[in-house]
């Protein structure tokens, strides 16, 4: 996913505010899942909801106002109820800026862990 960094993404020093990286990861994961044939609304209609259980982020190099970043997404691990995603952010010069690892757990509408099903698991799988 390509993204241009706007003023509203940054802090007073013109560097991306640390919390905004989670938004970038979320956007990239959502697009990744859609490319695999599963939009978030479609999964919700099936009664499958994914919640973040763990987030790890390494800030390697600052992303600044007007940078154009690439956020790549891949699955590191998958089980019946859990997907671990890795996100890598590089800037327009190909410099590694940020690495993230996000663990999502599949739950019902009531927040009870549930299987995502073989079809979804296979589509998202390694």
Protein backbone atom coordinates (compact mmCIF):
# COMPACT_ATOMS: atom_id res chain seq x y z
CA UNK A 1 0.00 0.00 0.00
CA UNK A 2 1.41 3.38 -1.00
CA UNK A 3 0.59 6.36 1.22
CA UNK A 4 1.58 9.99 1.17
CA UNK A 5 2.20 11.50 4.59
CA UNK A 6 0.14 14.60 5.22
CA UNK A 7 0.49 17.28 7.88
CA UNK A 8 -2.30 15.72 9.96
CA UNK A 9 -0.25 12.49 10.22
CA UNK A 10 2.63 14.28 11.96
CA UNK A 11 3.54 15.81 15.29
CA UNK A 12 4.75 19.39 15.75
CA UNK A 13 8.21 18.38 14.50
CA UNK A 14 6.91 17.12 11.15
CA UNK A 15 7.53 13.46 12.06
CA UNK A 16 4.72 10.89 11.91
CA UNK A 17 3.03 10.64 15.31
CA UNK A 18 3.82 7.18 16.69
CA UNK A 19 0.16 6.16 17.12
CA UNK A 20 -0.56 6.74 13.44
CA UNK A 21 1.56 3.74 12.48
CA UNK A 22 -1.22 1.53 13.88
CA UNK A 23 -3.62 3.21 11.43
CA UNK A 24 -1.23 2.51 8.56
CA UNK A 25 -0.94 -1.14 9.62
CA UNK A 26 -4.74 -1.43 9.88
CA UNK A 27 -5.27 0.06 6.43
CA UNK A 28 -2.70 -2.28 4.90
CA UNK A 29 -4.19 -5.36 6.65
CA UNK A 30 -7.68 -4.42 5.49
CA UNK A 31 -6.48 -4.13 1.88
CA UNK A 32 -4.52 -7.40 2.21
CA UNK A 33 -7.64 -9.23 3.41
CA UNK A 34 -9.75 -7.71 0.63
CA UNK A 35 -7.18 -8.84 -1.96
CA UNK A 36 -7.58 -12.35 -0.53
CA UNK A 37 -11.35 -12.11 -1.15
CA UNK A 38 -12.52 -11.12 2.32
CA UNK A 39 -13.60 -7.60 3.10
CA UNK A 40 -14.06 -6.74 6.75
CA UNK A 41 -17.82 -6.12 6.28
CA UNK A 42 -18.19 -9.52 4.52
CA UNK A 43 -16.44 -11.26 7.41
CA UNK A 44 -18.66 -9.42 9.89
CA UNK A 45 -21.74 -10.63 7.99
CA UNK A 46 -20.43 -14.18 8.48
CA UNK A 47 -20.25 -13.45 12.22
CA UNK A 48 -16.44 -13.24 12.22
CA UNK A 49 -14.75 -10.29 13.88
CA UNK A 50 -10.99 -9.82 14.28
CA UNK A 51 -9.63 -8.01 17.32
CA UNK A 52 -6.06 -6.99 18.05
CA UNK A 53 -4.61 -9.12 20.83
CA UNK A 54 -1.01 -7.95 20.57
CA UNK A 55 0.94 -5.22 18.78
CA UNK A 56 4.70 -4.87 18.48
CA UNK A 57 6.30 -1.94 16.69
CA UNK A 58 9.94 -1.11 15.98
CA UNK A 59 10.67 2.44 14.87
CA UNK A 60 13.86 2.32 12.81
CA UNK A 61 13.92 5.61 10.89
CA UNK A 62 11.57 8.61 11.01
CA UNK A 63 8.80 9.07 8.47
CA UNK A 64 8.23 12.75 7.79
CA UNK A 65 5.69 15.11 6.28
CA UNK A 66 5.43 14.66 2.47
CA UNK A 67 7.20 11.28 2.47
CA UNK A 68 5.63 8.57 0.33
CA UNK A 69 5.71 5.28 2.16
CA UNK A 70 5.06 1.71 1.16
CA UNK A 71 3.39 -0.51 3.75
CA UNK A 72 3.79 -4.19 2.94
CA UNK A 73 1.78 -6.89 4.70
CA UNK A 74 2.30 -10.62 5.04
CA UNK A 75 1.07 -13.42 7.28
CA UNK A 76 3.72 -14.84 9.61
CA UNK A 77 1.54 -17.36 11.42
CA UNK A 78 -2.04 -18.59 11.25
CA UNK A 79 -4.21 -20.96 13.30
CA UNK A 80 -7.96 -21.58 13.54
CA UNK A 81 -8.49 -18.48 15.69
CA UNK A 82 -5.37 -16.35 15.23
CA UNK A 83 -3.48 -14.53 12.47
CA UNK A 84 -0.10 -12.88 13.03
CA UNK A 85 0.65 -10.20 10.44
CA UNK A 86 3.93 -8.47 9.74
CA UNK A 87 4.02 -4.94 8.32
CA UNK A 88 7.13 -3.32 6.90
CA UNK A 89 7.18 0.41 6.13
CA UNK A 90 9.77 1.81 3.76
CA UNK A 91 10.08 5.37 2.53
CA UNK A 92 10.33 6.63 -1.05
CA UNK A 93 14.06 5.87 -1.02
CA UNK A 94 13.51 2.25 0.04
CA UNK A 95 14.82 2.90 3.56
CA UNK A 96 13.35 0.65 6.26
CA UNK A 97 11.43 2.92 8.64
CA UNK A 98 9.12 0.76 10.72
CA UNK A 99 8.41 -2.90 11.41
CA UNK A 100 5.25 -4.10 13.06
CA UNK A 101 3.80 -7.42 14.13
CA UNK A 102 0.08 -7.59 14.90
CA UNK A 103 -1.77 -10.57 16.34
CA UNK A 104 -5.48 -10.71 15.52
CA UNK A 105 -7.88 -13.13 17.18
CA UNK A 106 -11.14 -14.18 15.52
CA UNK A 107 -14.15 -13.67 17.78
CA UNK A 108 -17.93 -13.75 17.60
CA UNK A 109 -20.02 -10.60 17.83
CA UNK A 110 -20.06 -11.19 21.60
CA UNK A 111 -16.25 -11.30 21.79
CA UNK A 112 -15.92 -15.07 22.26
CA UNK A 113 -12.95 -16.63 20.44
CA UNK A 114 -14.09 -18.70 17.46
CA UNK A 115 -12.67 -20.51 14.46
CA UNK A 116 -12.36 -18.43 11.32
CA UNK A 117 -13.12 -21.57 9.31
CA UNK A 118 -10.99 -23.48 6.84
CA UNK A 119 -12.02 -21.34 3.85
CA UNK A 120 -10.93 -18.06 5.46
CA UNK A 121 -7.81 -19.64 6.99
CA UNK A 122 -6.73 -21.09 3.62
CA UNK A 123 -7.33 -17.76 1.85
CA UNK A 124 -5.26 -15.81 4.40
CA UNK A 125 -2.69 -18.55 4.89
CA UNK A 126 0.99 -18.70 4.27
